[in-house]
Amino acid sequence: MSPEAQALMAKTQADIQAQQAKFQADMQLSREKAALELQLMREKEMAKLQLEQEKFKAHMALKQEEFQAEAKLKAMKVGAGITSNIEIPG
């Protein structure tokens, strides 16, 4: 084999190896990017869920306070002898 052919073959092999290394690096980068995007989506969904839970807790606390205030008002009306429009469940 001539020296020119050997040099061309060596260059071709080096080019192929460089392309393979670039492809592997690109694939690794794509995998890492996909994993990061998935993690970000999980974190966003968890944050949404936590926000909804906090909203629900706040709503329930408000309803409980409203109920207690209404019960207190009814008790005060009963104590004052005002019985119109008072519904006592039971």
C-alpha atoms as a PDB file:
ATOM      1  CA  MET A   1       0.000   0.000   0.000  1.00  0.00           C
ATOM      2  CA  SER A   2       1.358   3.400  -0.949  1.00  0.00           C
ATOM      3  CA  PRO A   3       2.144   5.982   1.722  1.00  0.00           C
ATOM      4  CA  GLU A   4      -0.572   8.247   0.297  1.00  0.00           C
ATOM      5  CA  ALA A   5      -3.161   5.472   0.601  1.00  0.00           C
ATOM      6  CA  GLN A   6      -2.000   4.710   4.149  1.00  0.00           C
ATOM      7  CA  ALA A   7      -2.259   8.385   5.069  1.00  0.00           C
ATOM      8  CA  LEU A   8      -5.739   8.604   3.522  1.00  0.00           C
ATOM      9  CA  MET A   9      -6.819   5.451   5.376  1.00  0.00           C
ATOM     10  CA  ALA A  10      -5.464   6.803   8.674  1.00  0.00           C
ATOM     11  CA  LYS A  11      -7.209  10.126   8.095  1.00  0.00           C
ATOM     12  CA  THR A  12     -10.471   8.353   7.246  1.00  0.00           C
ATOM     13  CA  GLN A  13     -10.233   6.205  10.385  1.00  0.00           C
ATOM     14  CA  ALA A  14      -9.502   9.281  12.503  1.00  0.00           C
ATOM     15  CA  ASP A  15     -12.486  11.065  10.951  1.00  0.00           C
ATOM     16  CA  ILE A  16     -14.744   8.082  11.656  1.00  0.00           C
ATOM     17  CA  GLN A  17     -13.548   7.900  15.266  1.00  0.00           C
ATOM     18  CA  ALA A  18     -14.091  11.635  15.698  1.00  0.00           C
ATOM     19  CA  GLN A  19     -17.627  11.323  14.291  1.00  0.00           C
ATOM     20  CA  GLN A  20     -18.343   8.381  16.604  1.00  0.00           C
ATOM     21  CA  ALA A  21     -17.061  10.337  19.603  1.00  0.00           C
ATOM     22  CA  LYS A  22     -19.183  13.343  18.620  1.00  0.00           C
ATOM     23  CA  PHE A  23     -22.243  11.136  18.167  1.00  0.00           C
ATOM     24  CA  GLN A  24     -21.720   9.534  21.580  1.00  0.00           C
ATOM     25  CA  ALA A  25     -21.251  12.933  23.197  1.00  0.00           C
ATOM     26  CA  ASP A  26     -24.392  14.239  21.488  1.00  0.00           C
ATOM     27  CA  MET A  27     -26.364  11.203  22.640  1.00  0.00           C
ATOM     28  CA  GLN A  28     -25.138  11.608  26.222  1.00  0.00           C
ATOM     29  CA  LEU A  29     -26.047  15.290  26.130  1.00  0.00           C
ATOM     30  CA  SER A  30     -29.514  14.432  24.788  1.00  0.00           C
ATOM     31  CA  ARG A  31     -30.050  11.880  27.572  1.00  0.00           C
ATOM     32  CA  GLU A  32     -28.950  14.350  30.230  1.00  0.00           C
ATOM     33  CA  LYS A  33     -31.161  17.082  28.774  1.00  0.00           C
ATOM     34  CA  ALA A  34     -34.173  14.744  28.704  1.00  0.00           C
ATOM     35  CA  ALA A  35     -33.519  13.694  32.305  1.00  0.00           C
ATOM     36  CA  LEU A  36     -33.303  17.331  33.420  1.00  0.00           C
ATOM     37  CA  GLU A  37     -36.499  18.217  31.570  1.00  0.00           C
ATOM     38  CA  LEU A  38     -38.280  15.279  33.199  1.00  0.00           C
ATOM     39  CA  GLN A  39     -37.038  16.328  36.639  1.00  0.00           C
ATOM     40  CA  LEU A  40     -38.218  19.893  36.001  1.00  0.00           C
ATOM     41  CA  MET A  41     -41.660  18.640  34.972  1.00  0.00           C
ATOM     42  CA  ARG A  42     -41.863  16.537  38.155  1.00  0.00           C
ATOM     43  CA  GLU A  43     -40.886  19.491  40.308  1.00  0.00           C
ATOM     44  CA  LYS A  44     -43.457  21.728  38.611  1.00  0.00           C
ATOM     45  CA  GLU A  45     -46.206  19.165  39.134  1.00  0.00           C
ATOM     46  CA  MET A  46     -45.219  18.695  42.769  1.00  0.00           C
ATOM     47  CA  ALA A  47     -45.292  22.466  43.275  1.00  0.00           C
ATOM     48  CA  LYS A  48     -48.745  22.641  41.681  1.00  0.00           C
ATOM     49  CA  LEU A  49     -49.986  19.829  43.911  1.00  0.00           C
ATOM     50  CA  GLN A  50     -48.558  21.468  47.022  1.00  0.00           C
ATOM     51  CA  LEU A  51     -50.177  24.778  46.065  1.00  0.00           C
ATOM     52  CA  GLU A  52     -53.539  23.086  45.595  1.00  0.00           C
ATOM     53  CA  GLN A  53     -53.191  21.395  48.980  1.00  0.00           C
ATOM     54  CA  GLU A  54     -52.391  24.718  50.642  1.00  0.00           C
ATOM     55  CA  LYS A  55     -55.368  26.360  48.927  1.00  0.00           C
ATOM     56  CA  PHE A  56     -57.632  23.552  50.131  1.00  0.00           C
ATOM     57  CA  LYS A  57     -56.331  23.825  53.696  1.00  0.00           C
ATOM     58  CA  ALA A  58     -56.855  27.602  53.672  1.00  0.00           C
ATOM     59  CA  HIS A  59     -60.356  27.185  52.260  1.00  0.00           C
ATOM     60  CA  MET A  60     -61.249  24.610  54.910  1.00  0.00           C
ATOM     61  CA  ALA A  61     -59.852  26.795  57.696  1.00  0.00           C
ATOM     62  CA  LEU A  62     -61.933  29.721  56.429  1.00  0.00           C
ATOM     63  CA  LYS A  63     -65.073  27.586  56.269  1.00  0.00           C
ATOM     64  CA  GLN A  64     -64.446  26.361  59.801  1.00  0.00           C
ATOM     65  CA  GLU A  65     -64.051  29.929  61.046  1.00  0.00           C
ATOM     66  CA  GLU A  66     -67.244  30.955  59.252  1.00  0.00           C
ATOM     67  CA  PHE A  67     -69.108  28.034  60.792  1.00  0.00           C
ATOM     68  CA  GLN A  68     -67.834  28.867  64.260  1.00  0.00           C
ATOM     69  CA  ALA A  69     -68.743  32.542  63.856  1.00  0.00           C
ATOM     70  CA  GLU A  70     -72.223  31.618  62.643  1.00  0.00           C
ATOM     71  CA  ALA A  71     -72.710  29.199  65.540  1.00  0.00           C
ATOM     72  CA  LYS A  72     -71.563  31.855  67.984  1.00  0.00           C
ATOM     73  CA  LEU A  73     -73.951  34.408  66.474  1.00  0.00           C
ATOM     74  CA  LYS A  74     -76.861  31.960  66.689  1.00  0.00           C
ATOM     75  CA  ALA A  75     -75.981  31.191  70.305  1.00  0.00           C
ATOM     76  CA  MET A  76     -75.928  34.894  71.079  1.00  0.00           C
ATOM     77  CA  LYS A  77     -79.331  35.353  69.419  1.00  0.00           C
ATOM     78  CA  VAL A  78     -80.770  32.448  71.370  1.00  0.00           C
ATOM     79  CA  GLY A  79     -79.311  33.870  74.574  1.00  0.00           C
ATOM     80  CA  ALA A  80     -80.832  37.263  73.777  1.00  0.00           C
ATOM     81  CA  GLY A  81     -84.195  35.690  73.091  1.00  0.00           C
ATOM     82  CA  ILE A  82     -84.127  36.398  69.357  1.00  0.00           C
ATOM     83  CA  THR A  83     -85.303  33.190  67.761  1.00  0.00           C
ATOM     84  CA  SER A  84     -86.532  34.267  64.337  1.00  0.00           C
ATOM     85  CA  ASN A  85     -84.620  32.902  61.359  1.00  0.00           C
ATOM     86  CA  ILE A  86     -82.604  30.512  63.492  1.00  0.00           C
ATOM     87  CA  GLU A  87     -82.385  27.026  62.187  1.00  0.00           C
ATOM     88  CA  ILE A  88     -81.037  24.541  64.667  1.00  0.00           C
ATOM     89  CA  PRO A  89     -80.178  21.306  62.921  1.00  0.00           C
ATOM     90  CA  GLY A  90     -80.923  18.144  64.697  1.00  0.00           C
END
